[in-house]
Amino acid sequence: LDRRLAFEPNDRPSAEEALAVPYFKGLAKVERKPSASQL
């Protein structure tokens, strides 16, 4: 939450990075999810 609510956009993790944090361990297999290019 602290990282996602960072004021500076560059300090916020991408969705892919957020899913890879230990909190979500076992919930999602990031390597199987398609990744989108930055808008």
PDB file of all heavy atoms in Angstrom:
ATOM      1  N   LEU A   1       0.834  -1.205   0.000  1.00  0.00           N
ATOM      2  CA  LEU A   1       0.000   0.000   0.000  1.00  0.00           C
ATOM      3  C   LEU A   1       0.868   1.253   0.000  1.00  0.00           C
ATOM      4  O   LEU A   1       0.606   2.201  -0.743  1.00  0.00           O
ATOM      5  CB  LEU A   1      -0.926  -0.014   1.209  1.00  0.00           C
ATOM      6  CG  LEU A   1      -1.931   1.121   1.325  1.00  0.00           C
ATOM      7  CD1 LEU A   1      -2.907   1.112   0.159  1.00  0.00           C
ATOM      8  CD2 LEU A   1      -2.673   1.021   2.652  1.00  0.00           C
ATOM      9  N   ASP A   2       1.898   1.241   0.817  1.00  0.00           N
ATOM     10  CA  ASP A   2       2.821   2.376   0.883  1.00  0.00           C
ATOM     11  C   ASP A   2       3.449   2.646  -0.482  1.00  0.00           C
ATOM     12  O   ASP A   2       3.531   3.794  -0.924  1.00  0.00           O
ATOM     13  CB  ASP A   2       3.896   2.087   1.930  1.00  0.00           C
ATOM     14  CG  ASP A   2       4.831   3.261   2.127  1.00  0.00           C
ATOM     15  OD1 ASP A   2       4.339   4.382   2.362  1.00  0.00           O
ATOM     16  OD2 ASP A   2       6.059   3.047   2.056  1.00  0.00           O
ATOM     17  N   ARG A   3       3.856   1.590  -1.156  1.00  0.00           N
ATOM     18  CA  ARG A   3       4.484   1.759  -2.474  1.00  0.00           C
ATOM     19  C   ARG A   3       3.470   2.186  -3.534  1.00  0.00           C
ATOM     20  O   ARG A   3       3.770   3.008  -4.398  1.00  0.00           O
ATOM     21  CB  ARG A   3       5.165   0.465  -2.901  1.00  0.00           C
ATOM     22  CG  ARG A   3       6.386   0.146  -2.039  1.00  0.00           C
ATOM     23  CD  ARG A   3       7.129  -1.078  -2.526  1.00  0.00           C
ATOM     24  NE  ARG A   3       7.609  -0.864  -3.877  1.00  0.00           N
ATOM     25  CZ  ARG A   3       7.664  -1.839  -4.792  1.00  0.00           C
ATOM     26  NH1 ARG A   3       7.289  -3.054  -4.503  1.00  0.00           N
ATOM     27  NH2 ARG A   3       8.109  -1.574  -6.006  1.00  0.00           N
ATOM     28  N   ARG A   4       2.258   1.637  -3.496  1.00  0.00           N
ATOM     29  CA  ARG A   4       1.235   1.955  -4.497  1.00  0.00           C
ATOM     30  C   ARG A   4       0.722   3.394  -4.359  1.00  0.00           C
ATOM     31  O   ARG A   4       0.283   3.984  -5.331  1.00  0.00           O
ATOM     32  CB  ARG A   4       0.048   0.983  -4.400  1.00  0.00           C
ATOM     33  CG  ARG A   4       0.348  -0.431  -4.824  1.00  0.00           C
ATOM     34  CD  ARG A   4       0.645  -0.579  -6.296  1.00  0.00           C
ATOM     35  NE  ARG A   4      -0.483  -0.152  -7.091  1.00  0.00           N
ATOM     36  CZ  ARG A   4      -0.376   0.352  -8.310  1.00  0.00           C
ATOM     37  NH1 ARG A   4       0.793   0.486  -8.892  1.00  0.00           N
ATOM     38  NH2 ARG A   4      -1.439   0.727  -8.973  1.00  0.00           N
ATOM     39  N   LEU A   5       0.766   3.947  -3.150  1.00  0.00           N
ATOM     40  CA  LEU A   5       0.264   5.302  -2.922  1.00  0.00           C
ATOM     41  C   LEU A   5       1.361   6.359  -2.946  1.00  0.00           C
ATOM     42  O   LEU A   5       1.139   7.492  -2.539  1.00  0.00           O
ATOM     43  CB  LEU A   5      -0.496   5.362  -1.590  1.00  0.00           C
ATOM     44  CG  LEU A   5      -1.786   4.555  -1.541  1.00  0.00           C
ATOM     45  CD1 LEU A   5      -2.419   4.654  -0.156  1.00  0.00           C
ATOM     46  CD2 LEU A   5      -2.766   4.999  -2.615  1.00  0.00           C
ATOM     47  N   ALA A   6       2.525   6.007  -3.441  1.00  0.00           N
ATOM     48  CA  ALA A   6       3.627   6.971  -3.530  1.00  0.00           C
ATOM     49  C   ALA A   6       3.199   8.171  -4.381  1.00  0.00           C
ATOM     50  O   ALA A   6       2.517   8.013  -5.402  1.00  0.00           O
ATOM     51  CB  ALA A   6       4.863   6.313  -4.135  1.00  0.00           C
ATOM     52  N   PHE A   7       3.587   9.366  -3.976  1.00  0.00           N
ATOM     53  CA  PHE A   7       3.236  10.581  -4.719  1.00  0.00           C
ATOM     54  C   PHE A   7       3.863  10.565  -6.106  1.00  0.00           C
ATOM     55  O   PHE A   7       3.225  10.907  -7.090  1.00  0.00           O
ATOM     56  CB  PHE A   7       3.681  11.828  -3.946  1.00  0.00           C
ATOM     57  CG  PHE A   7       3.316  13.106  -4.650  1.00  0.00           C
ATOM     58  CD1 PHE A   7       2.023  13.604  -4.579  1.00  0.00           C
ATOM     59  CD2 PHE A   7       4.263  13.795  -5.389  1.00  0.00           C
ATOM     60  CE1 PHE A   7       1.680  14.775  -5.246  1.00  0.00           C
ATOM     61  CE2 PHE A   7       3.930  14.966  -6.053  1.00  0.00           C
ATOM     62  CZ  PHE A   7       2.629  15.458  -5.978  1.00  0.00           C
ATOM     63  N   GLU A   8       5.106  10.171  -6.172  1.00  0.00           N
ATOM     64  CA  GLU A   8       5.837  10.162  -7.447  1.00  0.00           C
ATOM     65  C   GLU A   8       5.454   8.921  -8.257  1.00  0.00           C
ATOM     66  O   GLU A   8       5.654   7.796  -7.805  1.00  0.00           O
ATOM     67  CB  GLU A   8       7.349  10.134  -7.194  1.00  0.00           C
ATOM     68  CG  GLU A   8       7.860  11.328  -6.433  1.00  0.00           C
ATOM     69  CD  GLU A   8       8.530  12.335  -7.328  1.00  0.00           C
ATOM     70  OE1 GLU A   8       8.346  12.289  -8.553  1.00  0.00           O
ATOM     71  OE2 GLU A   8       9.246  13.169  -6.788  1.00  0.00           O
ATOM     72  N   PRO A   9       4.898   9.107  -9.451  1.00  0.00           N
ATOM     73  CA  PRO A   9       4.500   7.951 -10.261  1.00  0.00           C
ATOM     74  C   PRO A   9       5.630   6.952 -10.502  1.00  0.00           C
ATOM     75  O   PRO A   9       5.393   5.744 -10.511  1.00  0.00           O
ATOM     76  CB  PRO A   9       4.035   8.579 -11.580  1.00  0.00           C
ATOM     77  CG  PRO A   9       3.659   9.979 -11.221  1.00  0.00           C
ATOM     78  CD  PRO A   9       4.584  10.368 -10.086  1.00  0.00           C
ATOM     79  N   ASN A  10       6.852   7.439 -10.656  1.00  0.00           N
ATOM     80  CA  ASN A  10       7.975   6.538 -10.910  1.00  0.00           C
ATOM     81  C   ASN A  10       8.329   5.681  -9.699  1.00  0.00           C
ATOM     82  O   ASN A  10       9.049   4.695  -9.824  1.00  0.00           O
ATOM     83  CB  ASN A  10       9.201   7.314 -11.373  1.00  0.00           C
ATOM     84  CG  ASN A  10       9.007   7.902 -12.755  1.00  0.00           C
ATOM     85  OD1 ASN A  10       8.224   7.401 -13.560  1.00  0.00           O
ATOM     86  ND2 ASN A  10       9.706   8.980 -13.034  1.00  0.00           N
ATOM     87  N   ASP A  11       7.846   6.064  -8.525  1.00  0.00           N
ATOM     88  CA  ASP A  11       8.104   5.290  -7.311  1.00  0.00           C
ATOM     89  C   ASP A  11       7.064   4.192  -7.088  1.00  0.00           C
ATOM     90  O   ASP A  11       7.217   3.359  -6.206  1.00  0.00           O
ATOM     91  CB  ASP A  11       8.130   6.197  -6.076  1.00  0.00           C
ATOM     92  CG  ASP A  11       9.313   7.141  -6.075  1.00  0.00           C
ATOM     93  OD1 ASP A  11      10.294   6.872  -6.813  1.00  0.00           O
ATOM     94  OD2 ASP A  11       9.270   8.146  -5.345  1.00  0.00           O
ATOM     95  N   ARG A  12       5.989   4.209  -7.874  1.00  0.00           N
ATOM     96  CA  ARG A  12       4.927   3.209  -7.733  1.00  0.00           C
ATOM     97  C   ARG A  12       5.262   1.976  -8.557  1.00  0.00           C
ATOM     98  O   ARG A  12       5.726   2.093  -9.688  1.00  0.00           O
ATOM     99  CB  ARG A  12       3.599   3.778  -8.228  1.00  0.00           C
ATOM    100  CG  ARG A  12       3.142   4.977  -7.469  1.00  0.00           C
ATOM    101  CD  ARG A  12       1.839   5.510  -8.058  1.00  0.00           C
ATOM    102  NE  ARG A  12       1.711   6.912  -7.721  1.00  0.00           N
ATOM    103  CZ  ARG A  12       1.200   7.833  -8.517  1.00  0.00           C
ATOM    104  NH1 ARG A  12       0.739   7.510  -9.714  1.00  0.00           N
ATOM    105  NH2 ARG A  12       1.137   9.082  -8.121  1.00  0.00           N
ATOM    106  N   PRO A  13       5.012   0.792  -8.006  1.00  0.00           N
ATOM    107  CA  PRO A  13       5.262  -0.415  -8.796  1.00  0.00           C
ATOM    108  C   PRO A  13       4.195  -0.572  -9.880  1.00  0.00           C
ATOM    109  O   PRO A  13       3.054  -0.135  -9.716  1.00  0.00           O
ATOM    110  CB  PRO A  13       5.160  -1.539  -7.768  1.00  0.00           C
ATOM    111  CG  PRO A  13       4.247  -1.005  -6.716  1.00  0.00           C
ATOM    112  CD  PRO A  13       4.513   0.485  -6.665  1.00  0.00           C
ATOM    113  N   SER A  14       4.586  -1.192 -10.978  1.00  0.00           N
ATOM    114  CA  SER A  14       3.615  -1.514 -12.018  1.00  0.00           C
ATOM    115  C   SER A  14       2.704  -2.622 -11.479  1.00  0.00           C
ATOM    116  O   SER A  14       2.986  -3.229 -10.427  1.00  0.00           O
ATOM    117  CB  SER A  14       4.343  -2.008 -13.268  1.00  0.00           C
ATOM    118  OG  SER A  14       4.984  -3.252 -12.987  1.00  0.00           O
ATOM    119  N   ALA A  15       1.643  -2.916 -12.182  1.00  0.00           N
ATOM    120  CA  ALA A  15       0.751  -4.002 -11.760  1.00  0.00           C
ATOM    121  C   ALA A  15       1.533  -5.315 -11.695  1.00  0.00           C
ATOM    122  O   ALA A  15       1.373  -6.107 -10.754  1.00  0.00           O
ATOM    123  CB  ALA A  15      -0.424  -4.111 -12.716  1.00  0.00           C
ATOM    124  N   GLU A  16       2.376  -5.541 -12.679  1.00  0.00           N
ATOM    125  CA  GLU A  16       3.183  -6.765 -12.719  1.00  0.00           C
ATOM    126  C   GLU A  16       4.123  -6.833 -11.508  1.00  0.00           C
ATOM    127  O   GLU A  16       4.241  -7.871 -10.862  1.00  0.00           O
ATOM    128  CB  GLU A  16       3.988  -6.796 -14.019  1.00  0.00           C
ATOM    129  CG  GLU A  16       4.716  -8.087 -14.254  1.00  0.00           C
ATOM    130  CD  GLU A  16       5.360  -8.117 -15.629  1.00  0.00           C
ATOM    131  OE1 GLU A  16       5.104  -7.238 -16.464  1.00  0.00           O
ATOM    132  OE2 GLU A  16       6.131  -9.072 -15.853  1.00  0.00           O
ATOM    133  N   GLU A  17       4.768  -5.720 -11.184  1.00  0.00           N
ATOM    134  CA  GLU A  17       5.658  -5.686 -10.021  1.00  0.00           C
ATOM    135  C   GLU A  17       4.870  -5.875  -8.727  1.00  0.00           C
ATOM    136  O   GLU A  17       5.313  -6.578  -7.817  1.00  0.00           O
ATOM    137  CB  GLU A  17       6.410  -4.358  -9.972  1.00  0.00           C
ATOM    138  CG  GLU A  17       7.422  -4.187 -11.074  1.00  0.00           C
ATOM    139  CD  GLU A  17       7.924  -2.752 -11.199  1.00  0.00           C
ATOM    140  OE1 GLU A  17       7.235  -1.811 -10.785  1.00  0.00           O
ATOM    141  OE2 GLU A  17       9.039  -2.597 -11.745  1.00  0.00           O
ATOM    142  N   ALA A  18       3.688  -5.271  -8.652  1.00  0.00           N
ATOM    143  CA  ALA A  18       2.871  -5.399  -7.448  1.00  0.00           C
ATOM    144  C   ALA A  18       2.437  -6.845  -7.231  1.00  0.00           C
ATOM    145  O   ALA A  18       2.442  -7.345  -6.107  1.00  0.00           O
ATOM    146  CB  ALA A  18       1.651  -4.482  -7.534  1.00  0.00           C
ATOM    147  N   LEU A  19       2.072  -7.533  -8.307  1.00  0.00           N
ATOM    148  CA  LEU A  19       1.656  -8.933  -8.183  1.00  0.00           C
ATOM    149  C   LEU A  19       2.802  -9.846  -7.772  1.00  0.00           C
ATOM    150  O   LEU A  19       2.565 -10.941  -7.258  1.00  0.00           O
ATOM    151  CB  LEU A  19       1.044  -9.426  -9.492  1.00  0.00           C
ATOM    152  CG  LEU A  19      -0.355  -8.911  -9.800  1.00  0.00           C
ATOM    153  CD1 LEU A  19      -0.780  -9.315 -11.196  1.00  0.00           C
ATOM    154  CD2 LEU A  19      -1.344  -9.412  -8.758  1.00  0.00           C
ATOM    155  N   ALA A  20       4.033  -9.393  -7.979  1.00  0.00           N
ATOM    156  CA  ALA A  20       5.199 -10.218  -7.663  1.00  0.00           C
ATOM    157  C   ALA A  20       5.665 -10.069  -6.211  1.00  0.00           C
ATOM    158  O   ALA A  20       6.572 -10.786  -5.792  1.00  0.00           O
ATOM    159  CB  ALA A  20       6.349  -9.874  -8.616  1.00  0.00           C
ATOM    160  N   VAL A  21       5.051  -9.175  -5.428  1.00  0.00           N
ATOM    161  CA  VAL A  21       5.482  -8.979  -4.044  1.00  0.00           C
ATOM    162  C   VAL A  21       5.045 -10.165  -3.182  1.00  0.00           C
ATOM    163  O   VAL A  21       4.095 -10.866  -3.512  1.00  0.00           O
ATOM    164  CB  VAL A  21       4.966  -7.648  -3.442  1.00  0.00           C
ATOM    165  CG1 VAL A  21       5.442  -6.457  -4.252  1.00  0.00           C
ATOM    166  CG2 VAL A  21       3.470  -7.646  -3.304  1.00  0.00           C
ATOM    167  N   PRO A  22       5.735 -10.384  -2.070  1.00  0.00           N
ATOM    168  CA  PRO A  22       5.422 -11.537  -1.212  1.00  0.00           C
ATOM    169  C   PRO A  22       3.969 -11.598  -0.735  1.00  0.00           C
ATOM    170  O   PRO A  22       3.442 -12.692  -0.516  1.00  0.00           O
ATOM    171  CB  PRO A  22       6.371 -11.370  -0.025  1.00  0.00           C
ATOM    172  CG  PRO A  22       7.511 -10.572  -0.562  1.00  0.00           C
ATOM    173  CD  PRO A  22       6.922  -9.673  -1.603  1.00  0.00           C
ATOM    174  N   TYR A  23       3.300 -10.472  -0.611  1.00  0.00           N
ATOM    175  CA  TYR A  23       1.910 -10.480  -0.149  1.00  0.00           C
ATOM    176  C   TYR A  23       1.022 -11.326  -1.059  1.00  0.00           C
ATOM    177  O   TYR A  23       0.081 -11.975  -0.613  1.00  0.00           O
ATOM    178  CB  TYR A  23       1.379  -9.046  -0.074  1.00  0.00           C
ATOM    179  CG  TYR A  23      -0.055  -8.967   0.394  1.00  0.00           C
ATOM    180  CD1 TYR A  23      -0.384  -9.218   1.728  1.00  0.00           C
ATOM    181  CD2 TYR A  23      -1.083  -8.657  -0.483  1.00  0.00           C
ATOM    182  CE1 TYR A  23      -1.696  -9.158   2.167  1.00  0.00           C
ATOM    183  CE2 TYR A  23      -2.396  -8.589  -0.051  1.00  0.00           C
ATOM    184  CZ  TYR A  23      -2.693  -8.850   1.273  1.00  0.00           C
ATOM    185  OH  TYR A  23      -3.998  -8.787   1.695  1.00  0.00           O
ATOM    186  N   PHE A  24       1.311 -11.339  -2.346  1.00  0.00           N
ATOM    187  CA  PHE A  24       0.505 -12.079  -3.317  1.00  0.00           C
ATOM    188  C   PHE A  24       1.083 -13.449  -3.655  1.00  0.00           C
ATOM    189  O   PHE A  24       0.604 -14.103  -4.578  1.00  0.00           O
ATOM    190  CB  PHE A  24       0.342 -11.267  -4.606  1.00  0.00           C
ATOM    191  CG  PHE A  24      -0.522 -10.055  -4.447  1.00  0.00           C
ATOM    192  CD1 PHE A  24      -0.019  -8.794  -4.710  1.00  0.00           C
ATOM    193  CD2 PHE A  24      -1.843 -10.161  -4.031  1.00  0.00           C
ATOM    194  CE1 PHE A  24      -0.815  -7.667  -4.566  1.00  0.00           C
ATOM    195  CE2 PHE A  24      -2.645  -9.041  -3.881  1.00  0.00           C
ATOM    196  CZ  PHE A  24      -2.131  -7.796  -4.153  1.00  0.00           C
ATOM    197  N   LYS A  25       2.085 -13.883  -2.922  1.00  0.00           N
ATOM    198  CA  LYS A  25       2.720 -15.168  -3.220  1.00  0.00           C
ATOM    199  C   LYS A  25       1.664 -16.275  -3.257  1.00  0.00           C
ATOM    200  O   LYS A  25       0.855 -16.414  -2.356  1.00  0.00           O
ATOM    201  CB  LYS A  25       3.775 -15.503  -2.165  1.00  0.00           C
ATOM    202  CG  LYS A  25       4.543 -16.751  -2.495  1.00  0.00           C
ATOM    203  CD  LYS A  25       5.643 -16.998  -1.500  1.00  0.00           C
ATOM    204  CE  LYS A  25       6.389 -18.248  -1.955  1.00  0.00           C
ATOM    205  NZ  LYS A  25       7.555 -18.469  -1.158  1.00  0.00           N
ATOM    206  N   GLY A  26       1.678 -17.034  -4.318  1.00  0.00           N
ATOM    207  CA  GLY A  26       0.743 -18.137  -4.479  1.00  0.00           C
ATOM    208  C   GLY A  26      -0.585 -17.726  -5.069  1.00  0.00           C
ATOM    209  O   GLY A  26      -1.378 -18.578  -5.452  1.00  0.00           O
ATOM    210  N   LEU A  27      -0.857 -16.446  -5.161  1.00  0.00           N
ATOM    211  CA  LEU A  27      -2.134 -15.992  -5.693  1.00  0.00           C
ATOM    212  C   LEU A  27      -2.121 -15.925  -7.215  1.00  0.00           C
ATOM    213  O   LEU A  27      -3.069 -16.320  -7.866  1.00  0.00           O
ATOM    214  CB  LEU A  27      -2.484 -14.616  -5.120  1.00  0.00           C
ATOM    215  CG  LEU A  27      -3.792 -14.000  -5.602  1.00  0.00           C
ATOM    216  CD1 LEU A  27      -4.975 -14.837  -5.117  1.00  0.00           C
ATOM    217  CD2 LEU A  27      -3.941 -12.578  -5.093  1.00  0.00           C
ATOM    218  N   ALA A  28      -1.036 -15.434  -7.758  1.00  0.00           N
ATOM    219  CA  ALA A  28      -0.956 -15.265  -9.210  1.00  0.00           C
ATOM    220  C   ALA A  28       0.391 -15.760  -9.707  1.00  0.00           C
ATOM    221  O   ALA A  28       1.391 -15.686  -9.011  1.00  0.00           O
ATOM    222  CB  ALA A  28      -1.125 -13.797  -9.580  1.00  0.00           C
ATOM    223  N   LYS A  29       0.379 -16.278 -10.895  1.00  0.00           N
ATOM    224  CA  LYS A  29       1.617 -16.683 -11.548  1.00  0.00           C
ATOM    225  C   LYS A  29       1.949 -15.587 -12.566  1.00  0.00           C
ATOM    226  O   LYS A  29       1.476 -15.608 -13.687  1.00  0.00           O
ATOM    227  CB  LYS A  29       1.453 -18.034 -12.220  1.00  0.00           C
ATOM    228  CG  LYS A  29       1.142 -19.153 -11.247  1.00  0.00           C
ATOM    229  CD  LYS A  29       1.646 -20.470 -11.772  1.00  0.00           C
ATOM    230  CE  LYS A  29       1.373 -21.577 -10.816  1.00  0.00           C
ATOM    231  NZ  LYS A  29       2.151 -21.554  -9.633  1.00  0.00           N
ATOM    232  N   VAL A  30       2.755 -14.628 -12.122  1.00  0.00           N
ATOM    233  CA  VAL A  30       3.070 -13.448 -12.924  1.00  0.00           C
ATOM    234  C   VAL A  30       3.664 -13.834 -14.268  1.00  0.00           C
ATOM    235  O   VAL A  30       3.350 -13.234 -15.288  1.00  0.00           O
ATOM    236  CB  VAL A  30       4.029 -12.507 -12.152  1.00  0.00           C
ATOM    237  CG1 VAL A  30       4.458 -11.346 -13.017  1.00  0.00           C
ATOM    238  CG2 VAL A  30       3.368 -12.027 -10.883  1.00  0.00           C
ATOM    239  N   GLU A  31       4.486 -14.867 -14.277  1.00  0.00           N
ATOM    240  CA  GLU A  31       5.140 -15.254 -15.525  1.00  0.00           C
ATOM    241  C   GLU A  31       4.141 -15.744 -16.576  1.00  0.00           C
ATOM    242  O   GLU A  31       4.434 -15.767 -17.755  1.00  0.00           O
ATOM    243  CB  GLU A  31       6.218 -16.323 -15.264  1.00  0.00           C
ATOM    244  CG  GLU A  31       5.692 -17.651 -14.736  1.00  0.00           C
ATOM    245  CD  GLU A  31       5.449 -17.684 -13.231  1.00  0.00           C
ATOM    246  OE1 GLU A  31       5.696 -16.679 -12.547  1.00  0.00           O
ATOM    247  OE2 GLU A  31       5.003 -18.733 -12.750  1.00  0.00           O
ATOM    248  N   ARG A  32       2.929 -16.105 -16.168  1.00  0.00           N
ATOM    249  CA  ARG A  32       1.917 -16.586 -17.114  1.00  0.00           C
ATOM    250  C   ARG A  32       0.997 -15.473 -17.585  1.00  0.00           C
ATOM    251  O   ARG A  32       0.195 -15.669 -18.479  1.00  0.00           O
ATOM    252  CB  ARG A  32       1.080 -17.685 -16.463  1.00  0.00           C
ATOM    253  CG  ARG A  32       1.873 -18.946 -16.240  1.00  0.00           C
ATOM    254  CD  ARG A  32       1.074 -20.051 -15.610  1.00  0.00           C
ATOM    255  NE  ARG A  32      -0.300 -20.092 -16.086  1.00  0.00           N
ATOM    256  CZ  ARG A  32      -1.265 -20.732 -15.440  1.00  0.00           C
ATOM    257  NH1 ARG A  32      -1.024 -21.344 -14.311  1.00  0.00           N
ATOM    258  NH2 ARG A  32      -2.489 -20.744 -15.919  1.00  0.00           N
ATOM    259  N   LYS A  33       1.077 -14.326 -16.982  1.00  0.00           N
ATOM    260  CA  LYS A  33       0.197 -13.214 -17.336  1.00  0.00           C
ATOM    261  C   LYS A  33       0.821 -12.408 -18.474  1.00  0.00           C
ATOM    262  O   LYS A  33       2.009 -12.135 -18.467  1.00  0.00           O
ATOM    263  CB  LYS A  33      -0.030 -12.277 -16.141  1.00  0.00           C
ATOM    264  CG  LYS A  33      -0.578 -12.959 -14.923  1.00  0.00           C
ATOM    265  CD  LYS A  33      -2.010 -13.297 -15.111  1.00  0.00           C
ATOM    266  CE  LYS A  33      -2.543 -13.916 -13.827  1.00  0.00           C
ATOM    267  NZ  LYS A  33      -3.546 -14.899 -14.041  1.00  0.00           N
ATOM    268  N   PRO A  34      -0.002 -12.022 -19.455  1.00  0.00           N
ATOM    269  CA  PRO A  34       0.544 -11.163 -20.520  1.00  0.00           C
ATOM    270  C   PRO A  34       0.882  -9.794 -19.954  1.00  0.00           C
ATOM    271  O   PRO A  34       0.221  -9.303 -19.045  1.00  0.00           O
ATOM    272  CB  PRO A  34      -0.600 -11.075 -21.530  1.00  0.00           C
ATOM    273  CG  PRO A  34      -1.826 -11.413 -20.770  1.00  0.00           C
ATOM    274  CD  PRO A  34      -1.406 -12.313 -19.631  1.00  0.00           C
ATOM    275  N   SER A  35       1.923  -9.219 -20.482  1.00  0.00           N
ATOM    276  CA  SER A  35       2.358  -7.902 -20.032  1.00  0.00           C
ATOM    277  C   SER A  35       2.043  -6.897 -21.120  1.00  0.00           C
ATOM    278  O   SER A  35       2.241  -7.167 -22.299  1.00  0.00           O
ATOM    279  CB  SER A  35       3.860  -7.945 -19.781  1.00  0.00           C
ATOM    280  OG  SER A  35       4.214  -7.032 -18.805  1.00  0.00           O
ATOM    281  N   ALA A  36       1.546  -5.749 -20.744  1.00  0.00           N
ATOM    282  CA  ALA A  36       1.220  -4.703 -21.712  1.00  0.00           C
ATOM    283  C   ALA A  36       2.337  -3.677 -21.742  1.00  0.00           C
ATOM    284  O   ALA A  36       3.029  -3.474 -20.752  1.00  0.00           O
ATOM    285  CB  ALA A  36      -0.092  -4.027 -21.330  1.00  0.00           C
ATOM    286  N   SER A  37       2.473  -3.038 -22.879  1.00  0.00           N
ATOM    287  CA  SER A  37       3.446  -1.949 -22.941  1.00  0.00           C
ATOM    288  C   SER A  37       2.854  -0.737 -22.249  1.00  0.00           C
ATOM    289  O   SER A  37       1.642  -0.617 -22.089  1.00  0.00           O
ATOM    290  CB  SER A  37       3.795  -1.629 -24.393  1.00  0.00           C
ATOM    291  OG  SER A  37       2.628  -1.233 -25.085  1.00  0.00           O
ATOM    292  N   GLN A  38       3.717   0.179 -21.841  1.00  0.00           N
ATOM    293  CA  GLN A  38       3.269   1.375 -21.137  1.00  0.00           C
ATOM    294  C   GLN A  38       2.429   2.243 -22.061  1.00  0.00           C
ATOM    295  O   GLN A  38       2.736   2.398 -23.239  1.00  0.00           O
ATOM    296  CB  GLN A  38       4.465   2.167 -20.633  1.00  0.00           C
ATOM    297  CG  GLN A  38       4.059   3.319 -19.756  1.00  0.00           C
ATOM    298  CD  GLN A  38       5.256   3.982 -19.103  1.00  0.00           C
ATOM    299  OE1 GLN A  38       6.382   3.575 -19.304  1.00  0.00           O
ATOM    300  NE2 GLN A  38       5.004   4.996 -18.323  1.00  0.00           N
ATOM    301  N   LEU A  39       1.350   2.768 -21.516  1.00  0.00           N
ATOM    302  CA  LEU A  39       0.483   3.649 -22.290  1.00  0.00           C
ATOM    303  C   LEU A  39       1.184   4.962 -22.592  1.00  0.00           C
ATOM    304  O   LEU A  39       1.987   5.436 -21.804  1.00  0.00           O
ATOM    305  CB  LEU A  39      -0.799   3.941 -21.515  1.00  0.00           C
ATOM    306  CG  LEU A  39      -1.710   2.757 -21.244  1.00  0.00           C
ATOM    307  CD1 LEU A  39      -2.865   3.195 -20.350  1.00  0.00           C
ATOM    308  CD2 LEU A  39      -2.240   2.180 -22.533  1.00  0.00           C
TER     309      LEU A  39
END
